[in-house]
C-alpha atoms as a PDB file:
ATOM      1  CA  MET A   1     107.096 119.852  60.050  1.00  0.00           C
ATOM      2  CA  ALA A   2     109.451 121.667  62.434  1.00  0.00           C
ATOM      3  CA  ALA A   3     110.063 125.367  61.823  1.00  0.00           C
ATOM      4  CA  ALA A   4     113.408 126.377  60.274  1.00  0.00           C
ATOM      5  CA  GLY A   5     116.206 126.287  62.821  1.00  0.00           C
ATOM      6  CA  VAL A   6     114.130 124.266  65.292  1.00  0.00           C
ATOM      7  CA  GLU A   7     115.063 120.649  65.813  1.00  0.00           C
ATOM      8  CA  ALA A   8     112.122 118.301  65.371  1.00  0.00           C
ATOM      9  CA  GLU A   9     111.135 116.516  68.592  1.00  0.00           C
ATOM     10  CA  GLN A  10     111.903 112.822  68.455  1.00  0.00           C
ATOM     11  CA  PRO A  11     109.159 110.406  69.446  1.00  0.00           C
ATOM     12  CA  ARG A  12     109.650 109.045  72.956  1.00  0.00           C
ATOM     13  CA  SER A  13     109.422 105.337  73.659  1.00  0.00           C
ATOM     14  CA  TYR A  14     106.582 104.508  76.025  1.00  0.00           C
ATOM     15  CA  SER A  15     108.975 102.491  78.152  1.00  0.00           C
ATOM     16  CA  CYS A  16     110.786 105.736  79.040  1.00  0.00           C
ATOM     17  CA  LEU A  17     107.764 107.132  80.847  1.00  0.00           C
ATOM     18  CA  GLN A  18     108.186 107.137  84.600  1.00  0.00           C
ATOM     19  CA  PRO A  19     105.327 107.011  87.134  1.00  0.00           C
ATOM     20  CA  ASN A  20     105.997 110.578  88.283  1.00  0.00           C
ATOM     21  CA  GLU A  21     105.590 111.799  84.679  1.00  0.00           C
ATOM     22  CA  LEU A  22     102.023 110.499  84.797  1.00  0.00           C
ATOM     23  CA  GLY A  23     101.337 112.171  88.142  1.00  0.00           C
ATOM     24  CA  TRP A  24     102.128 109.096  90.259  1.00  0.00           C
ATOM     25  CA  THR A  25     104.664 109.143  93.053  1.00  0.00           C
ATOM     26  CA  GLU A  26     107.264 106.494  93.834  1.00  0.00           C
ATOM     27  CA  SER A  27     105.630 105.678  97.181  1.00  0.00           C
ATOM     28  CA  VAL A  28     102.057 105.638  98.429  1.00  0.00           C
ATOM     29  CA  PRO A  29     101.369 108.904 100.277  1.00  0.00           C
ATOM     30  CA  TYR A  30      99.568 109.190 103.620  1.00  0.00           C
ATOM     31  CA  LEU A  31      96.679 111.474 104.492  1.00  0.00           C
ATOM     32  CA  ASP A  32      96.285 112.226 108.197  1.00  0.00           C
ATOM     33  CA  ARG A  33      92.534 112.693 107.937  1.00  0.00           C
ATOM     34  CA  PRO A  34      89.680 111.719 105.627  1.00  0.00           C
ATOM     35  CA  PRO A  35      89.330 114.244 102.805  1.00  0.00           C
ATOM     36  CA  SER A  36      86.238 116.150 101.782  1.00  0.00           C
ATOM     37  CA  PRO A  37      84.300 114.604  98.879  1.00  0.00           C
ATOM     38  CA  LEU A  38      85.463 117.316  96.456  1.00  0.00           C
ATOM     39  CA  GLU A  39      89.086 117.091  97.619  1.00  0.00           C
ATOM     40  CA  PHE A  40      89.108 113.314  97.327  1.00  0.00           C
ATOM     41  CA  TYR A  41      87.638 113.307  93.841  1.00  0.00           C
ATOM     42  CA  ARG A  42      89.902 116.094  92.574  1.00  0.00           C
ATOM     43  CA  GLU A  43      93.171 114.971  94.173  1.00  0.00           C
ATOM     44  CA  TRP A  44      92.880 111.182  94.114  1.00  0.00           C
ATOM     45  CA  VAL A  45      90.018 109.660  92.088  1.00  0.00           C
ATOM     46  CA  SER A  46      90.318 111.830  88.991  1.00  0.00           C
ATOM     47  CA  PRO A  47      94.125 111.426  88.652  1.00  0.00           C
ATOM     48  CA  ASN A  48      93.822 107.731  89.626  1.00  0.00           C
ATOM     49  CA  LYS A  49      96.346 107.914  92.492  1.00  0.00           C
ATOM     50  CA  PRO A  50      96.450 105.636  95.562  1.00  0.00           C
ATOM     51  CA  CYS A  51      96.812 106.869  99.113  1.00  0.00           C
ATOM     52  CA  ILE A  52      96.629 105.565 102.684  1.00  0.00           C
ATOM     53  CA  ILE A  53      94.129 107.451 104.831  1.00  0.00           C
ATOM     54  CA  GLN A  54      94.575 107.612 108.584  1.00  0.00           C
ATOM     55  CA  ASN A  55      91.888 108.538 111.137  1.00  0.00           C
ATOM     56  CA  ALA A  56      89.099 107.637 108.713  1.00  0.00           C
ATOM     57  CA  ILE A  57      87.732 104.608 110.595  1.00  0.00           C
ATOM     58  CA  THR A  58      89.002 105.163 114.141  1.00  0.00           C
ATOM     59  CA  HIS A  59      85.398 105.697 115.278  1.00  0.00           C
ATOM     60  CA  TRP A  60      84.323 102.230 114.153  1.00  0.00           C
ATOM     61  CA  PRO A  61      83.343  99.938 117.049  1.00  0.00           C
ATOM     62  CA  ALA A  62      84.874  97.031 115.094  1.00  0.00           C
ATOM     63  CA  LEU A  63      88.413  98.173 115.887  1.00  0.00           C
ATOM     64  CA  LYS A  64      87.882  97.336 119.557  1.00  0.00           C
ATOM     65  CA  LYS A  65      85.081  94.785 119.406  1.00  0.00           C
ATOM     66  CA  TRP A  66      86.203  92.329 116.709  1.00  0.00           C
ATOM     67  CA  THR A  67      88.120  89.931 118.901  1.00  0.00           C
ATOM     68  CA  SER A  68      87.926  86.195 118.367  1.00  0.00           C
ATOM     69  CA  ALA A  69      85.678  85.877 121.416  1.00  0.00           C
ATOM     70  CA  TYR A  70      83.290  88.524 120.083  1.00  0.00           C
ATOM     71  CA  LEU A  71      83.145  86.962 116.607  1.00  0.00           C
ATOM     72  CA  ARG A  72      82.450  83.561 118.134  1.00  0.00           C
ATOM     73  CA  GLU A  73      79.617  85.026 120.164  1.00  0.00           C
ATOM     74  CA  VAL A  74      78.013  87.056 117.382  1.00  0.00           C
ATOM     75  CA  VAL A  75      78.558  84.782 114.360  1.00  0.00           C
ATOM     76  CA  GLY A  76      79.353  81.502 116.115  1.00  0.00           C
ATOM     77  CA  PRO A  77      77.944  78.335 114.524  1.00  0.00           C
ATOM     78  CA  LYS A  78      76.560  80.113 111.479  1.00  0.00           C
ATOM     79  CA  VAL A  79      77.579  78.420 108.219  1.00  0.00           C
ATOM     80  CA  VAL A  80      79.632  80.679 105.937  1.00  0.00           C
ATOM     81  CA  SER A  81      81.645  80.359 102.717  1.00  0.00           C
ATOM     82  CA  VAL A  82      85.370  79.701 103.174  1.00  0.00           C
ATOM     83  CA  ALA A  83      87.940  79.449 100.374  1.00  0.00           C
ATOM     84  CA  VAL A  84      90.160  76.403 100.890  1.00  0.00           C
ATOM     85  CA  THR A  85      93.349  75.671  98.921  1.00  0.00           C
ATOM     86  CA  PRO A  86      96.382  73.430  99.379  1.00  0.00           C
ATOM     87  CA  ASN A  87      98.848  76.278  98.856  1.00  0.00           C
ATOM     88  CA  GLY A  88      97.188  79.568  99.854  1.00  0.00           C
ATOM     89  CA  TYR A  89      96.624  80.717  96.276  1.00  0.00           C
ATOM     90  CA  ALA A  90      92.959  81.128  95.378  1.00  0.00           C
ATOM     91  CA  ASP A  91      92.145  82.444  91.889  1.00  0.00           C
ATOM     92  CA  ALA A  92      95.674  81.988  90.591  1.00  0.00           C
ATOM     93  CA  VAL A  93      97.671  80.237  87.870  1.00  0.00           C
ATOM     94  CA  PHE A  94      98.837  76.752  88.855  1.00  0.00           C
ATOM     95  CA  GLN A  95      99.898  73.851  86.620  1.00  0.00           C
ATOM     96  CA  ASP A  96      98.906  75.830  83.521  1.00  0.00           C
ATOM     97  CA  ARG A  97      95.364  76.330  84.823  1.00  0.00           C
ATOM     98  CA  PHE A  98      93.501  79.242  86.373  1.00  0.00           C
ATOM     99  CA  VAL A  99      92.559  77.473  89.573  1.00  0.00           C
ATOM    100  CA  MET A 100      89.796  78.660  91.883  1.00  0.00           C
ATOM    101  CA  PRO A 101      89.450  77.541  95.509  1.00  0.00           C
ATOM    102  CA  GLU A 102      87.123  74.991  96.961  1.00  0.00           C
ATOM    103  CA  GLU A 103      84.245  77.051  98.369  1.00  0.00           C
ATOM    104  CA  ARG A 104      83.592  75.138 101.564  1.00  0.00           C
ATOM    105  CA  GLN A 105      80.486  75.711 103.659  1.00  0.00           C
ATOM    106  CA  MET A 106      81.496  75.470 107.299  1.00  0.00           C
ATOM    107  CA  ALA A 107      80.556  76.775 110.726  1.00  0.00           C
ATOM    108  CA  PHE A 108      82.334  80.049 111.367  1.00  0.00           C
ATOM    109  CA  MET A 109      83.531  78.855 114.770  1.00  0.00           C
ATOM    110  CA  ASP A 110      85.189  75.847 113.107  1.00  0.00           C
ATOM    111  CA  PHE A 111      86.986  78.232 110.767  1.00  0.00           C
ATOM    112  CA  LEU A 112      88.168  80.282 113.764  1.00  0.00           C
ATOM    113  CA  ASP A 113      89.511  77.090 115.371  1.00  0.00           C
ATOM    114  CA  ILE A 114      91.757  76.632 112.331  1.00  0.00           C
ATOM    115  CA  VAL A 115      92.915  80.264 112.250  1.00  0.00           C
ATOM    116  CA  GLU A 116      93.695  80.118 115.982  1.00  0.00           C
ATOM    117  CA  LYS A 117      95.506  76.785 115.462  1.00  0.00           C
ATOM    118  CA  LYS A 118      93.247  74.970 117.907  1.00  0.00           C
ATOM    119  CA  VAL A 119      92.747  72.549 115.020  1.00  0.00           C
ATOM    120  CA  THR A 120      95.551  71.743 112.585  1.00  0.00           C
ATOM    121  CA  SER A 121      95.076  71.399 108.849  1.00  0.00           C
ATOM    122  CA  PRO A 122      97.578  71.071 105.987  1.00  0.00           C
ATOM    123  CA  ASN A 123      95.363  73.365 103.899  1.00  0.00           C
ATOM    124  CA  VAL A 124      94.906  77.138 103.862  1.00  0.00           C
ATOM    125  CA  PHE A 125      91.585  78.726 104.827  1.00  0.00           C
ATOM    126  CA  TYR A 126      90.409  82.228 103.936  1.00  0.00           C
ATOM    127  CA  VAL A 127      87.066  84.018 104.256  1.00  0.00           C
ATOM    128  CA  GLN A 128      87.273  86.007 101.024  1.00  0.00           C
ATOM    129  CA  LYS A 129      84.030  85.597  99.121  1.00  0.00           C
ATOM    130  CA  GLN A 130      83.608  88.870  97.285  1.00  0.00           C
ATOM    131  CA  CYS A 131      79.900  89.109  96.493  1.00  0.00           C
ATOM    132  CA  SER A 132      79.301  91.607  99.303  1.00  0.00           C
ATOM    133  CA  ASN A 133      79.729  88.834 101.846  1.00  0.00           C
ATOM    134  CA  LEU A 134      79.720  91.287 104.769  1.00  0.00           C
ATOM    135  CA  THR A 135      76.112  92.240 104.096  1.00  0.00           C
ATOM    136  CA  GLU A 136      75.063  88.816 102.747  1.00  0.00           C
ATOM    137  CA  GLU A 137      76.795  86.398 105.135  1.00  0.00           C
ATOM    138  CA  PHE A 138      77.801  88.572 108.099  1.00  0.00           C
ATOM    139  CA  PRO A 139      74.959  91.101 108.504  1.00  0.00           C
ATOM    140  CA  GLU A 140      75.405  90.859 112.287  1.00  0.00           C
ATOM    141  CA  LEU A 141      78.709  92.728 111.909  1.00  0.00           C
ATOM    142  CA  VAL A 142      77.606  95.617 109.690  1.00  0.00           C
ATOM    143  CA  CYS A 143      76.588  97.752 112.675  1.00  0.00           C
ATOM    144  CA  ASP A 144      80.218  97.696 113.872  1.00  0.00           C
ATOM    145  CA  VAL A 145      81.459  99.375 110.679  1.00  0.00           C
ATOM    146  CA  GLN A 146      79.470 101.369 108.096  1.00  0.00           C
ATOM    147  CA  PRO A 147      77.301 100.274 105.158  1.00  0.00           C
ATOM    148  CA  ASP A 148      79.218 102.769 103.001  1.00  0.00           C
ATOM    149  CA  ILE A 149      81.865 105.479 103.328  1.00  0.00           C
ATOM    150  CA  PRO A 150      79.828 108.722 103.238  1.00  0.00           C
ATOM    151  CA  TRP A 151      82.475 111.021 101.770  1.00  0.00           C
ATOM    152  CA  MET A 152      83.315 108.455  99.076  1.00  0.00           C
ATOM    153  CA  SER A 153      79.645 107.927  98.233  1.00  0.00           C
ATOM    154  CA  GLU A 154      79.182 111.674  97.912  1.00  0.00           C
ATOM    155  CA  ALA A 155      82.348 112.070  95.830  1.00  0.00           C
ATOM    156  CA  LEU A 156      81.244 109.399  93.355  1.00  0.00           C
ATOM    157  CA  GLY A 157      77.499 109.999  93.534  1.00  0.00           C
ATOM    158  CA  LYS A 158      76.763 106.330  94.245  1.00  0.00           C
ATOM    159  CA  LYS A 159      76.745 103.672  96.933  1.00  0.00           C
ATOM    160  CA  PRO A 160      79.178 100.742  96.889  1.00  0.00           C
ATOM    161  CA  ASP A 161      78.345  97.737  94.744  1.00  0.00           C
ATOM    162  CA  ALA A 162      79.770  95.408  97.400  1.00  0.00           C
ATOM    163  CA  VAL A 163      81.103  95.437 100.954  1.00  0.00           C
ATOM    164  CA  ASN A 164      83.394  92.495 101.680  1.00  0.00           C
ATOM    165  CA  PHE A 165      84.721  90.864 104.855  1.00  0.00           C
ATOM    166  CA  TRP A 166      88.210  89.304 104.862  1.00  0.00           C
ATOM    167  CA  LEU A 167      89.749  87.034 107.494  1.00  0.00           C
ATOM    168  CA  GLY A 168      92.377  84.381 106.980  1.00  0.00           C
ATOM    169  CA  GLU A 169      95.749  82.822 107.515  1.00  0.00           C
ATOM    170  CA  ALA A 170      99.101  84.387 106.706  1.00  0.00           C
ATOM    171  CA  ALA A 171      99.647  81.779 103.983  1.00  0.00           C
ATOM    172  CA  ALA A 172      96.650  83.090 102.012  1.00  0.00           C
ATOM    173  CA  VAL A 173      97.917  85.202  99.111  1.00  0.00           C
ATOM    174  CA  THR A 174      96.015  87.204  96.511  1.00  0.00           C
ATOM    175  CA  SER A 175      97.731  86.873  93.123  1.00  0.00           C
ATOM    176  CA  LEU A 176      98.493  89.884  90.954  1.00  0.00           C
ATOM    177  CA  HIS A 177      95.368  91.213  89.224  1.00  0.00           C
ATOM    178  CA  LYS A 178      93.302  94.352  88.674  1.00  0.00           C
ATOM    179  CA  ASP A 179      89.659  95.285  89.354  1.00  0.00           C
ATOM    180  CA  HIS A 180      87.177  97.616  87.683  1.00  0.00           C
ATOM    181  CA  TYR A 181      86.343  99.187  91.037  1.00  0.00           C
ATOM    182  CA  GLU A 182      87.339 102.150  93.148  1.00  0.00           C
ATOM    183  CA  ASN A 183      88.401 100.279  96.268  1.00  0.00           C
ATOM    184  CA  LEU A 184      88.555 101.489  99.864  1.00  0.00           C
ATOM    185  CA  TYR A 185      90.349  98.772 101.833  1.00  0.00           C
ATOM    186  CA  CYS A 186      90.052  99.112 105.618  1.00  0.00           C
ATOM    187  CA  VAL A 187      92.167  97.040 108.017  1.00  0.00           C
ATOM    188  CA  ILE A 188      90.490  96.246 111.338  1.00  0.00           C
ATOM    189  CA  SER A 189      93.273  94.177 112.921  1.00  0.00           C
ATOM    190  CA  GLY A 190      96.684  92.991 111.812  1.00  0.00           C
ATOM    191  CA  GLU A 191      98.134  94.337 108.583  1.00  0.00           C
ATOM    192  CA  LYS A 192      97.973  93.888 104.826  1.00  0.00           C
ATOM    193  CA  HIS A 193     100.965  94.073 102.513  1.00  0.00           C
ATOM    194  CA  PHE A 194     100.223  95.408  99.032  1.00  0.00           C
ATOM    195  CA  LEU A 195     102.410  95.372  95.943  1.00  0.00           C
ATOM    196  CA  LEU A 196     100.926  97.787  93.400  1.00  0.00           C
ATOM    197  CA  HIS A 197     101.449  98.582  89.738  1.00  0.00           C
ATOM    198  CA  PRO A 198      99.901 101.587  88.004  1.00  0.00           C
ATOM    199  CA  PRO A 199      97.883 100.904  84.839  1.00  0.00           C
ATOM    200  CA  SER A 200     100.781 102.352  82.814  1.00  0.00           C
ATOM    201  CA  ASP A 201     102.771  99.200  83.660  1.00  0.00           C
ATOM    202  CA  ARG A 202     100.428  97.091  81.532  1.00  0.00           C
ATOM    203  CA  PRO A 203     103.006  96.648  78.688  1.00  0.00           C
ATOM    204  CA  PHE A 204     105.369  94.948  81.151  1.00  0.00           C
ATOM    205  CA  ILE A 205     102.837  92.653  82.852  1.00  0.00           C
ATOM    206  CA  PRO A 206     102.186  89.340  81.089  1.00  0.00           C
ATOM    207  CA  TYR A 207      98.719  87.951  80.476  1.00  0.00           C
ATOM    208  CA  GLU A 208      97.894  84.496  79.159  1.00  0.00           C
ATOM    209  CA  LEU A 209      94.666  82.573  78.596  1.00  0.00           C
ATOM    210  CA  TYR A 210      94.092  79.652  80.949  1.00  0.00           C
ATOM    211  CA  GLN A 211      91.670  76.788  81.289  1.00  0.00           C
ATOM    212  CA  PRO A 212      89.557  77.505  84.393  1.00  0.00           C
ATOM    213  CA  ALA A 213      89.562  74.812  87.059  1.00  0.00           C
ATOM    214  CA  THR A 214      88.633  74.303  90.702  1.00  0.00           C
ATOM    215  CA  TYR A 215      90.256  72.590  93.645  1.00  0.00           C
ATOM    216  CA  GLN A 216      88.213  69.624  94.852  1.00  0.00           C
ATOM    217  CA  VAL A 217      88.910  67.440  97.877  1.00  0.00           C
ATOM    218  CA  SER A 218      89.472  63.736  97.241  1.00  0.00           C
ATOM    219  CA  GLU A 219      88.374  60.991  99.593  1.00  0.00           C
ATOM    220  CA  ASP A 220      91.841  60.799 101.142  1.00  0.00           C
ATOM    221  CA  GLY A 221      91.776  64.529 101.926  1.00  0.00           C
ATOM    222  CA  SER A 222      94.156  65.567  99.160  1.00  0.00           C
ATOM    223  CA  PHE A 223      93.201  68.102  96.514  1.00  0.00           C
ATOM    224  CA  LYS A 224      92.694  67.447  92.849  1.00  0.00           C
ATOM    225  CA  ILE A 225      92.289  70.032  90.118  1.00  0.00           C
ATOM    226  CA  VAL A 226      89.110  69.619  88.101  1.00  0.00           C
ATOM    227  CA  ASP A 227      88.703  71.493  84.805  1.00  0.00           C
ATOM    228  CA  GLU A 228      85.546  73.469  84.143  1.00  0.00           C
ATOM    229  CA  LYS A 229      85.395  72.223  80.589  1.00  0.00           C
ATOM    230  CA  SER A 230      82.358  74.212  79.457  1.00  0.00           C
ATOM    231  CA  ALA A 231      83.776  77.545  80.656  1.00  0.00           C
ATOM    232  CA  ASP A 232      85.681  80.026  78.488  1.00  0.00           C
ATOM    233  CA  LYS A 233      89.387  80.485  79.046  1.00  0.00           C
ATOM    234  CA  VAL A 234      90.356  83.118  81.602  1.00  0.00           C
ATOM    235  CA  PRO A 235      92.961  85.848  80.989  1.00  0.00           C
ATOM    236  CA  TRP A 236      95.245  85.997  84.025  1.00  0.00           C
ATOM    237  CA  ILE A 237      98.730  87.062  85.092  1.00  0.00           C
ATOM    238  CA  PRO A 238     101.101  84.096  85.545  1.00  0.00           C
ATOM    239  CA  LEU A 239     103.902  86.128  87.101  1.00  0.00           C
ATOM    240  CA  ASP A 240     104.750  86.229  90.821  1.00  0.00           C
ATOM    241  CA  PRO A 241     105.863  89.839  91.412  1.00  0.00           C
ATOM    242  CA  LEU A 242     107.744  88.835  94.585  1.00  0.00           C
ATOM    243  CA  ASN A 243     109.882  86.360  92.641  1.00  0.00           C
ATOM    244  CA  PRO A 244     109.529  87.212  88.953  1.00  0.00           C
ATOM    245  CA  ASP A 245     110.956  84.905  86.319  1.00  0.00           C
ATOM    246  CA  LEU A 246     112.740  87.556  84.272  1.00  0.00           C
ATOM    247  CA  GLU A 247     114.074  84.997  81.809  1.00  0.00           C
ATOM    248  CA  GLN A 248     110.535  84.113  80.822  1.00  0.00           C
ATOM    249  CA  TYR A 249     109.114  87.634  81.292  1.00  0.00           C
ATOM    250  CA  PRO A 250     112.023  90.054  80.698  1.00  0.00           C
ATOM    251  CA  GLU A 251     109.696  93.023  80.109  1.00  0.00           C
ATOM    252  CA  TYR A 252     108.696  92.942  83.777  1.00  0.00           C
ATOM    253  CA  ALA A 253     112.111  94.348  84.697  1.00  0.00           C
ATOM    254  CA  GLN A 254     110.855  97.704  83.364  1.00  0.00           C
ATOM    255  CA  ALA A 255     107.803  97.758  85.660  1.00  0.00           C
ATOM    256  CA  LYS A 256     107.703 100.128  88.620  1.00  0.00           C
ATOM    257  CA  PRO A 257     106.026  98.412  91.589  1.00  0.00           C
ATOM    258  CA  LEU A 258     105.049 100.264  94.735  1.00  0.00           C
ATOM    259  CA  GLN A 259     104.885  98.471  98.065  1.00  0.00           C
ATOM    260  CA  CYS A 260     102.959  99.563 101.115  1.00  0.00           C
ATOM    261  CA  THR A 261     101.656  98.149 104.381  1.00  0.00           C
ATOM    262  CA  VAL A 262      98.176  99.040 105.622  1.00  0.00           C
ATOM    263  CA  ARG A 263      97.871  98.680 109.389  1.00  0.00           C
ATOM    264  CA  ALA A 264      94.937  98.404 111.762  1.00  0.00           C
ATOM    265  CA  GLY A 265      92.827 101.561 111.680  1.00  0.00           C
ATOM    266  CA  GLU A 266      94.120 102.627 108.250  1.00  0.00           C
ATOM    267  CA  MET A 267      92.375 102.721 104.881  1.00  0.00           C
ATOM    268  CA  LEU A 268      93.963 102.230 101.475  1.00  0.00           C
ATOM    269  CA  TYR A 269      92.414 103.923  98.476  1.00  0.00           C
ATOM    270  CA  LEU A 270      93.227 101.514  95.631  1.00  0.00           C
ATOM    271  CA  PRO A 271      92.187 103.160  92.365  1.00  0.00           C
ATOM    272  CA  SER A 272      90.443 101.249  89.612  1.00  0.00           C
ATOM    273  CA  LEU A 273      92.641  99.325  87.162  1.00  0.00           C
ATOM    274  CA  TRP A 274      95.695  99.320  89.447  1.00  0.00           C
ATOM    275  CA  PHE A 275      97.326  95.910  89.600  1.00  0.00           C
ATOM    276  CA  HIS A 276      97.707  94.552  93.117  1.00  0.00           C
ATOM    277  CA  HIS A 277      99.190  91.549  94.897  1.00  0.00           C
ATOM    278  CA  VAL A 278      98.230  91.111  98.570  1.00  0.00           C
ATOM    279  CA  GLN A 279      99.660  89.322 101.600  1.00  0.00           C
ATOM    280  CA  GLN A 280      98.619  89.606 105.238  1.00  0.00           C
ATOM    281  CA  SER A 281      99.559  88.934 108.823  1.00  0.00           C
ATOM    282  CA  HIS A 282      98.007  85.827 110.364  1.00  0.00           C
ATOM    283  CA  GLY A 283      94.391  86.376 111.376  1.00  0.00           C
ATOM    284  CA  CYS A 284      94.208  89.816 109.763  1.00  0.00           C
ATOM    285  CA  ILE A 285      90.651  91.181 109.530  1.00  0.00           C
ATOM    286  CA  ALA A 286      89.644  93.713 106.896  1.00  0.00           C
ATOM    287  CA  VAL A 287      86.564  95.213 105.240  1.00  0.00           C
ATOM    288  CA  ASN A 288      86.593  96.737 101.781  1.00  0.00           C
ATOM    289  CA  TYR A 289      84.148  98.815  99.765  1.00  0.00           C
ATOM    290  CA  TRP A 290      83.897  98.376  96.008  1.00  0.00           C
ATOM    291  CA  TYR A 291      82.484 101.338  94.099  1.00  0.00           C
ATOM    292  CA  ASP A 292      81.928 100.851  90.378  1.00  0.00           C
ATOM    293  CA  MET A 293      84.407 102.855  88.312  1.00  0.00           C
ATOM    294  CA  GLU A 294      83.463 105.452  85.740  1.00  0.00           C
ATOM    295  CA  TYR A 295      84.096 104.186  82.208  1.00  0.00           C
ATOM    296  CA  ASP A 296      85.622 107.486  81.178  1.00  0.00           C
ATOM    297  CA  LEU A 297      88.888 108.646  79.642  1.00  0.00           C
ATOM    298  CA  LYS A 298      90.959 106.643  82.142  1.00  0.00           C
ATOM    299  CA  TYR A 299      89.240 103.459  81.041  1.00  0.00           C
ATOM    300  CA  SER A 300      89.696 104.355  77.361  1.00  0.00           C
ATOM    301  CA  TYR A 301      93.393 105.010  78.004  1.00  0.00           C
ATOM    302  CA  TYR A 302      93.794 101.616  79.641  1.00  0.00           C
ATOM    303  CA  GLN A 303      91.933  99.855  76.829  1.00  0.00           C
ATOM    304  CA  LEU A 304      94.167 101.546  74.259  1.00  0.00           C
ATOM    305  CA  LEU A 305      97.277 100.560  76.184  1.00  0.00           C
ATOM    306  CA  ASP A 306      96.017  96.997  76.507  1.00  0.00           C
ATOM    307  CA  CYS A 307      95.288  96.731  72.776  1.00  0.00           C
ATOM    308  CA  LEU A 308      98.678  98.174  71.836  1.00  0.00           C
ATOM    309  CA  THR A 309     100.419  95.732  74.184  1.00  0.00           C
ATOM    310  CA  LYS A 310      98.609  92.783  72.585  1.00  0.00           C
ATOM    311  CA  ALA A 311      99.365  94.073  69.091  1.00  0.00           C
ATOM    312  CA  MET A 312     103.083  94.359  69.877  1.00  0.00           C
ATOM    313  CA  LYS A 313     103.157  90.705  70.954  1.00  0.00           C
ATOM    314  CA  VAL A 314     102.100  89.484  67.517  1.00  0.00           C
ATOM    315  CA  LEU A 315     104.563  91.616  65.550  1.00  0.00           C
END
């Protein structure tokens, strides 16, 4: 009860909260140097804030060495996993399914021929397998980067769960989603375009359950979508944040996206549970480090927000 003469504070609608009220800025800030482990944990990991770090990987040989000619020489005919889709969207909602790419095993040099347009294909090719494919499929390249980011490993007290290698066409798009990882995303050449949402935007971002399916190539070269009938349905975001259907998802108009471009030699710290949609320049090469998140108060906050959002839908 409010004291006499003092007006009782009215409850504030969650939708009135702005990113800066939660400690988030309206643009992704830049750091001109890599931070110390303590500084990084205190200023960025603990408050769950993204940033772009410059001069953190400028010493990597990869920035100068990873030309097409070098990759052909070092990796060459080795068979690697390549995601192939008819439309550039792997792991995305299409025709009321959650459709995963065809995982094609092909010689790396044949993949480079497609990226360099020496060979034409109506499909979209992307090296994007995320089970630490840098160390598992491209160990020849690890010496040109680092097996981990020392100041991040010290800040978190752990090594990365996975180190991934990314190379693909401009048409390859990563649909809006979130990960349970602290992510350091390092661009070697070209640039990546990120659209980000803080976890507090969860009430405005739609999720639905979808039948999982996979693209498979037919005999005539066209793709068909084949259901994985024994698999559980997958919760995924059907909305395209670059062209949102606000008639179907009006709540999204209240979301507060941030957009940033990460260029060659820069590193994006993408905090755990931040939603992200990614595009890239043609032939962009990147390496990212996934560190498992701490399932602490931030995770509990997100789970509460997620449960409240679901409960509001059924009212």
